[in-house]
C-alpha atoms as a PDB file:
ATOM      1  CA  MET A   1      18.225   4.043  72.306  1.00  0.00           C
ATOM      2  CA  LYS A   2      15.038   2.000  72.257  1.00  0.00           C
ATOM      3  CA  ASN A   3      11.751   3.763  71.786  1.00  0.00           C
ATOM      4  CA  PRO A   4       9.752   3.333  75.036  1.00  0.00           C
ATOM      5  CA  LEU A   5       6.622   2.665  72.966  1.00  0.00           C
ATOM      6  CA  TRP A   6       8.248  -0.526  71.654  1.00  0.00           C
ATOM      7  CA  GLU A   7       8.530  -1.863  75.205  1.00  0.00           C
ATOM      8  CA  THR A   8       4.770  -1.465  75.757  1.00  0.00           C
ATOM      9  CA  LEU A   9       3.865  -3.752  72.848  1.00  0.00           C
ATOM     10  CA  PRO A  10       3.204  -7.459  73.454  1.00  0.00           C
ATOM     11  CA  THR A  11       5.756  -9.873  71.979  1.00  0.00           C
ATOM     12  CA  GLN A  12       3.395 -11.154  69.257  1.00  0.00           C
ATOM     13  CA  VAL A  13       2.603  -7.573  68.185  1.00  0.00           C
ATOM     14  CA  ARG A  14       6.312  -6.753  67.987  1.00  0.00           C
ATOM     15  CA  ALA A  15       6.756  -9.775  65.723  1.00  0.00           C
ATOM     16  CA  GLU A  16       3.832  -8.642  63.543  1.00  0.00           C
ATOM     17  CA  VAL A  17       5.208  -5.099  63.282  1.00  0.00           C
ATOM     18  CA  ASP A  18       8.656  -6.403  62.341  1.00  0.00           C
ATOM     19  CA  ALA A  19       7.142  -8.721  59.716  1.00  0.00           C
ATOM     20  CA  LEU A  20       5.284  -5.750  58.201  1.00  0.00           C
ATOM     21  CA  VAL A  21       8.459  -3.662  58.276  1.00  0.00           C
ATOM     22  CA  MET A  22      10.377  -6.403  56.459  1.00  0.00           C
ATOM     23  CA  LYS A  23       7.715  -6.289  53.715  1.00  0.00           C
ATOM     24  CA  GLY A  24       7.857  -2.471  53.571  1.00  0.00           C
ATOM     25  CA  HIS A  25       4.297  -2.002  54.877  1.00  0.00           C
ATOM     26  CA  LYS A  26       4.791   1.123  56.984  1.00  0.00           C
ATOM     27  CA  LEU A  27       1.190   2.242  57.258  1.00  0.00           C
ATOM     28  CA  ARG A  28      -0.040  -1.218  58.229  1.00  0.00           C
ATOM     29  CA  ALA A  29       2.646  -1.380  60.922  1.00  0.00           C
ATOM     30  CA  VAL A  30       1.518   1.998  62.286  1.00  0.00           C
ATOM     31  CA  LYS A  31      -2.086   0.782  62.298  1.00  0.00           C
ATOM     32  CA  VAL A  32      -1.182  -2.382  64.214  1.00  0.00           C
ATOM     33  CA  ILE A  33       0.645  -0.351  66.853  1.00  0.00           C
ATOM     34  CA  ARG A  34      -2.209   2.131  67.280  1.00  0.00           C
ATOM     35  CA  GLU A  35      -4.922  -0.536  67.402  1.00  0.00           C
ATOM     36  CA  THR A  36      -3.040  -2.692  69.917  1.00  0.00           C
ATOM     37  CA  LEU A  37      -2.652  -0.164  72.675  1.00  0.00           C
ATOM     38  CA  GLU A  38      -5.477   1.025  74.927  1.00  0.00           C
ATOM     39  CA  GLU A  39      -6.500   4.622  75.422  1.00  0.00           C
ATOM     40  CA  PRO A  40      -4.770   6.950  75.384  1.00  0.00           C
ATOM     41  CA  ARG A  41      -3.423   5.618  72.108  1.00  0.00           C
ATOM     42  CA  PRO A  42      -0.076   6.906  70.910  1.00  0.00           C
ATOM     43  CA  GLY A  43      -0.165   9.638  68.301  1.00  0.00           C
ATOM     44  CA  LEU A  44       0.355   9.020  64.609  1.00  0.00           C
ATOM     45  CA  TYR A  45       3.786  10.675  64.568  1.00  0.00           C
ATOM     46  CA  GLU A  46       4.932   8.686  67.594  1.00  0.00           C
ATOM     47  CA  CYS A  47       3.938   5.455  65.833  1.00  0.00           C
ATOM     48  CA  MET A  48       5.624   6.564  62.608  1.00  0.00           C
ATOM     49  CA  ASP A  49       8.822   7.323  64.538  1.00  0.00           C
ATOM     50  CA  LEU A  50       8.740   3.831  66.044  1.00  0.00           C
ATOM     51  CA  VAL A  51       8.208   2.216  62.642  1.00  0.00           C
ATOM     52  CA  ALA A  52      11.098   4.256  61.193  1.00  0.00           C
ATOM     53  CA  GLU A  53      13.289   3.057  64.070  1.00  0.00           C
ATOM     54  CA  ARG A  54      12.276  -0.564  63.407  1.00  0.00           C
ATOM     55  CA  PHE A  55      13.238  -0.108  59.737  1.00  0.00           C
ATOM     56  CA  GLU A  56      16.674   1.056  60.826  1.00  0.00           C
ATOM     57  CA  ASP A  57      17.077  -1.680  63.466  1.00  0.00           C
ATOM     58  CA  LEU A  58      16.148  -4.349  60.929  1.00  0.00           C
ATOM     59  CA  GLY A  59      18.499  -2.967  58.276  1.00  0.00           C
ATOM     60  CA  GLN A  60      15.706  -1.879  55.953  1.00  0.00           C
ATOM     61  CA  ARG A  61      15.386   1.336  53.983  1.00  0.00           C
ATOM     62  CA  PHE A  62      12.545   3.507  55.242  1.00  0.00           C
ATOM     63  CA  THR A  63      12.129   5.177  51.870  1.00  0.00           C
ATOM     64  CA  ARG A  64      11.209   3.115  48.856  1.00  0.00           C
ATOM     65  CA  SER A  65      13.857   2.610  46.206  1.00  0.00           C
ATOM     66  CA  PRO A  66      12.935   3.339  42.602  1.00  0.00           C
ATOM     67  CA  THR A  67      11.707   0.255  40.796  1.00  0.00           C
ATOM     68  CA  ALA A  68      14.015  -1.487  38.359  1.00  0.00           C
ATOM     69  CA  PRO A  69      13.442  -0.675  34.681  1.00  0.00           C
ATOM     70  CA  LEU A  70      10.733  -2.819  33.124  1.00  0.00           C
ATOM     71  CA  ASP A  71      11.235  -5.140  30.225  1.00  0.00           C
ATOM     72  CA  LEU A  72       8.530  -6.943  28.279  1.00  0.00           C
ATOM     73  CA  ASP A  73       9.430 -10.457  29.413  1.00  0.00           C
ATOM     74  CA  GLU A  74       8.147 -10.368  33.006  1.00  0.00           C
ATOM     75  CA  PRO A  75       4.713  -8.817  32.343  1.00  0.00           C
ATOM     76  CA  THR A  76       4.349 -10.991  29.234  1.00  0.00           C
ATOM     77  CA  ALA A  77       4.946 -14.108  31.353  1.00  0.00           C
ATOM     78  CA  LYS A  78       2.337 -12.921  33.861  1.00  0.00           C
ATOM     79  CA  ILE A  79      -0.162 -12.394  31.050  1.00  0.00           C
ATOM     80  CA  GLN A  80       0.525 -15.861  29.622  1.00  0.00           C
ATOM     81  CA  ALA A  81      -0.215 -17.361  33.046  1.00  0.00           C
ATOM     82  CA  LEU A  82      -3.675 -15.754  33.213  1.00  0.00           C
ATOM     83  CA  PRO A  83      -6.700 -18.017  32.795  1.00  0.00           C
ATOM     84  CA  TYR A  84      -8.367 -15.444  30.508  1.00  0.00           C
ATOM     85  CA  ARG A  85      -7.119 -13.401  27.593  1.00  0.00           C
ATOM     86  CA  PRO A  86      -6.841  -9.687  28.443  1.00  0.00           C
ATOM     87  CA  ALA A  87      -9.122  -7.269  26.649  1.00  0.00           C
ATOM     88  CA  ALA A  88      -6.776  -4.319  27.321  1.00  0.00           C
ATOM     89  CA  ILE A  89      -3.592  -3.207  29.060  1.00  0.00           C
ATOM     90  CA  GLU A  90      -4.084  -0.270  31.382  1.00  0.00           C
ATOM     91  CA  ALA A  91      -1.806   2.079  33.311  1.00  0.00           C
ATOM     92  CA  LEU A  92      -3.223   3.475  36.553  1.00  0.00           C
ATOM     93  CA  TRP A  93      -1.907   6.012  39.011  1.00  0.00           C
ATOM     94  CA  ASP A  94      -1.634   4.851  42.608  1.00  0.00           C
ATOM     95  CA  GLY A  95      -0.170   6.571  45.617  1.00  0.00           C
ATOM     96  CA  ASP A  96       0.806   6.061  49.205  1.00  0.00           C
ATOM     97  CA  SER A  97       2.552   7.973  51.966  1.00  0.00           C
ATOM     98  CA  GLU A  98       5.783   8.096  49.925  1.00  0.00           C
ATOM     99  CA  GLY A  99       4.487   9.284  46.613  1.00  0.00           C
ATOM    100  CA  TRP A 100       2.976   8.416  43.280  1.00  0.00           C
ATOM    101  CA  MET A 101       3.506   5.282  41.215  1.00  0.00           C
ATOM    102  CA  VAL A 102       1.955   3.747  38.123  1.00  0.00           C
ATOM    103  CA  ASP A 103       0.545   0.220  38.066  1.00  0.00           C
ATOM    104  CA  LEU A 104       0.314  -1.716  34.824  1.00  0.00           C
ATOM    105  CA  VAL A 105      -2.619  -4.119  34.740  1.00  0.00           C
ATOM    106  CA  ALA A 106      -4.160  -6.542  32.293  1.00  0.00           C
ATOM    107  CA  VAL A 107      -7.923  -6.007  32.144  1.00  0.00           C
ATOM    108  CA  THR A 108     -10.352  -8.833  31.453  1.00  0.00           C
ATOM    109  CA  ILE A 109     -14.044  -8.376  30.679  1.00  0.00           C
ATOM    110  CA  GLU A 110     -15.409 -11.850  31.454  1.00  0.00           C
ATOM    111  CA  PRO A 111     -14.853 -11.970  34.335  1.00  0.00           C
ATOM    112  CA  ARG A 112     -14.458  -8.248  34.914  1.00  0.00           C
ATOM    113  CA  ALA A 113     -11.106  -8.090  36.664  1.00  0.00           C
ATOM    114  CA  GLU A 114      -7.680  -6.520  36.605  1.00  0.00           C
ATOM    115  CA  HIS A 115      -4.456  -8.482  36.964  1.00  0.00           C
ATOM    116  CA  HIS A 116      -1.407  -6.677  38.315  1.00  0.00           C
ATOM    117  CA  LEU A 117       1.591  -6.852  35.974  1.00  0.00           C
ATOM    118  CA  ALA A 118       4.057  -4.314  37.369  1.00  0.00           C
ATOM    119  CA  THR A 119       4.503  -1.160  39.431  1.00  0.00           C
ATOM    120  CA  VAL A 120       6.715   1.710  38.296  1.00  0.00           C
ATOM    121  CA  GLN A 121       7.970   4.332  40.742  1.00  0.00           C
ATOM    122  CA  HIS A 122      10.943   6.628  40.265  1.00  0.00           C
ATOM    123  CA  GLY A 123      10.972   8.640  43.455  1.00  0.00           C
ATOM    124  CA  THR A 124       9.075  10.100  46.365  1.00  0.00           C
ATOM    125  CA  ASP A 125       6.882  13.178  46.521  1.00  0.00           C
ATOM    126  CA  MET A 126       9.983  15.166  47.498  1.00  0.00           C
ATOM    127  CA  ARG A 127      10.433  15.487  43.731  1.00  0.00           C
ATOM    128  CA  LEU A 128       7.459  17.842  43.694  1.00  0.00           C
ATOM    129  CA  PHE A 129       9.055  20.153  46.246  1.00  0.00           C
ATOM    130  CA  ASN A 130      12.400  20.010  44.452  1.00  0.00           C
ATOM    131  CA  GLY A 131      10.815  20.909  41.089  1.00  0.00           C
ATOM    132  CA  GLU A 132      11.927  17.609  39.508  1.00  0.00           C
ATOM    133  CA  VAL A 133       8.557  16.636  37.998  1.00  0.00           C
ATOM    134  CA  PRO A 134       6.762  16.812  35.614  1.00  0.00           C
ATOM    135  CA  PRO A 135       7.321  15.066  33.361  1.00  0.00           C
ATOM    136  CA  TRP A 136       6.625  11.957  35.397  1.00  0.00           C
ATOM    137  CA  PRO A 137       9.226   9.346  34.407  1.00  0.00           C
ATOM    138  CA  GLU A 138       7.133   6.481  35.782  1.00  0.00           C
ATOM    139  CA  ALA A 139       4.281   7.520  33.488  1.00  0.00           C
ATOM    140  CA  GLN A 140       6.637   7.602  30.519  1.00  0.00           C
ATOM    141  CA  GLU A 141       8.061   4.158  31.311  1.00  0.00           C
ATOM    142  CA  ALA A 142       4.627   2.629  31.959  1.00  0.00           C
ATOM    143  CA  THR A 143       3.336   4.100  28.698  1.00  0.00           C
ATOM    144  CA  THR A 144       6.247   2.688  26.688  1.00  0.00           C
ATOM    145  CA  ILE A 145       5.973  -0.818  28.154  1.00  0.00           C
ATOM    146  CA  GLY A 146       2.153  -0.771  28.260  1.00  0.00           C
ATOM    147  CA  ARG A 147       1.895   0.163  24.589  1.00  0.00           C
ATOM    148  CA  ALA A 148       4.409  -2.523  23.619  1.00  0.00           C
ATOM    149  CA  LEU A 149       2.488  -5.151  25.611  1.00  0.00           C
ATOM    150  CA  ALA A 150      -0.824  -4.084  24.113  1.00  0.00           C
ATOM    151  CA  GLU A 151       0.642  -4.160  20.612  1.00  0.00           C
ATOM    152  CA  ARG A 152       2.114  -7.618  21.237  1.00  0.00           C
ATOM    153  CA  LEU A 153      -1.326  -8.870  22.343  1.00  0.00           C
ATOM    154  CA  GLY A 154      -3.345  -6.958  19.752  1.00  0.00           C
ATOM    155  CA  VAL A 155      -5.419  -5.172  22.429  1.00  0.00           C
ATOM    156  CA  PRO A 156      -5.882  -1.491  23.308  1.00  0.00           C
ATOM    157  CA  PHE A 157      -3.640   0.374  25.733  1.00  0.00           C
ATOM    158  CA  HIS A 158      -5.294   2.876  28.068  1.00  0.00           C
ATOM    159  CA  PHE A 159      -3.713   5.505  30.312  1.00  0.00           C
ATOM    160  CA  ALA A 160      -6.263   8.218  31.028  1.00  0.00           C
ATOM    161  CA  SER A 161      -3.862  10.652  32.699  1.00  0.00           C
ATOM    162  CA  PRO A 162      -0.217  10.153  31.688  1.00  0.00           C
ATOM    163  CA  GLU A 163       0.688  13.810  32.214  1.00  0.00           C
ATOM    164  CA  LYS A 164      -0.141  13.968  35.958  1.00  0.00           C
ATOM    165  CA  PRO A 165      -1.281  11.757  38.833  1.00  0.00           C
ATOM    166  CA  ASP A 166      -5.039  11.479  38.725  1.00  0.00           C
ATOM    167  CA  PHE A 167      -7.686   8.880  39.431  1.00  0.00           C
ATOM    168  CA  ALA A 168      -9.111   9.203  35.937  1.00  0.00           C
ATOM    169  CA  PRO A 169     -11.811   7.051  34.301  1.00  0.00           C
ATOM    170  CA  ARG A 170     -10.964   3.402  33.768  1.00  0.00           C
ATOM    171  CA  TRP A 171     -10.758   1.642  30.387  1.00  0.00           C
ATOM    172  CA  TRP A 172     -13.910  -0.395  30.917  1.00  0.00           C
ATOM    173  CA  GLU A 173     -15.889   2.769  31.629  1.00  0.00           C
ATOM    174  CA  SER A 174     -15.422   3.680  27.963  1.00  0.00           C
ATOM    175  CA  LEU A 175     -17.111   0.495  26.720  1.00  0.00           C
END
């Protein structure tokens, strides 16, 4: 059965929502729905239900699959394509509505920037309720690959909080 909210959206907005769904951008899709409609706007849960239905209708998984195991070749190729040599490899916690993940980045000083190399996620926050973490397997994997990359490049590896998700100080703050 079609969600009646879907029928109230203009055709171009439906196309935008479906494009976001195909890319896995649930929260952006919810935002587009809420911002499109006039007052009274639909509630957050109503929009989330519609987005979940669009995932199903389009044959997508609503929950994120764990990332494939990392190897050194892909992030190494990304580093080799950079215009500047990295000063460090850093692992950073990130999170969204599904759970925690770890991003591996190459950090440059001049210019001060970070370059995304990979994202590691092994499950949703349901793991917390099921008593499955810690240890955080994505932190362990990111640490192993990050250290190997840093060693290969002869630069430091930094992961301020490998034992738990935290927005800890960045590598360049220690300079």
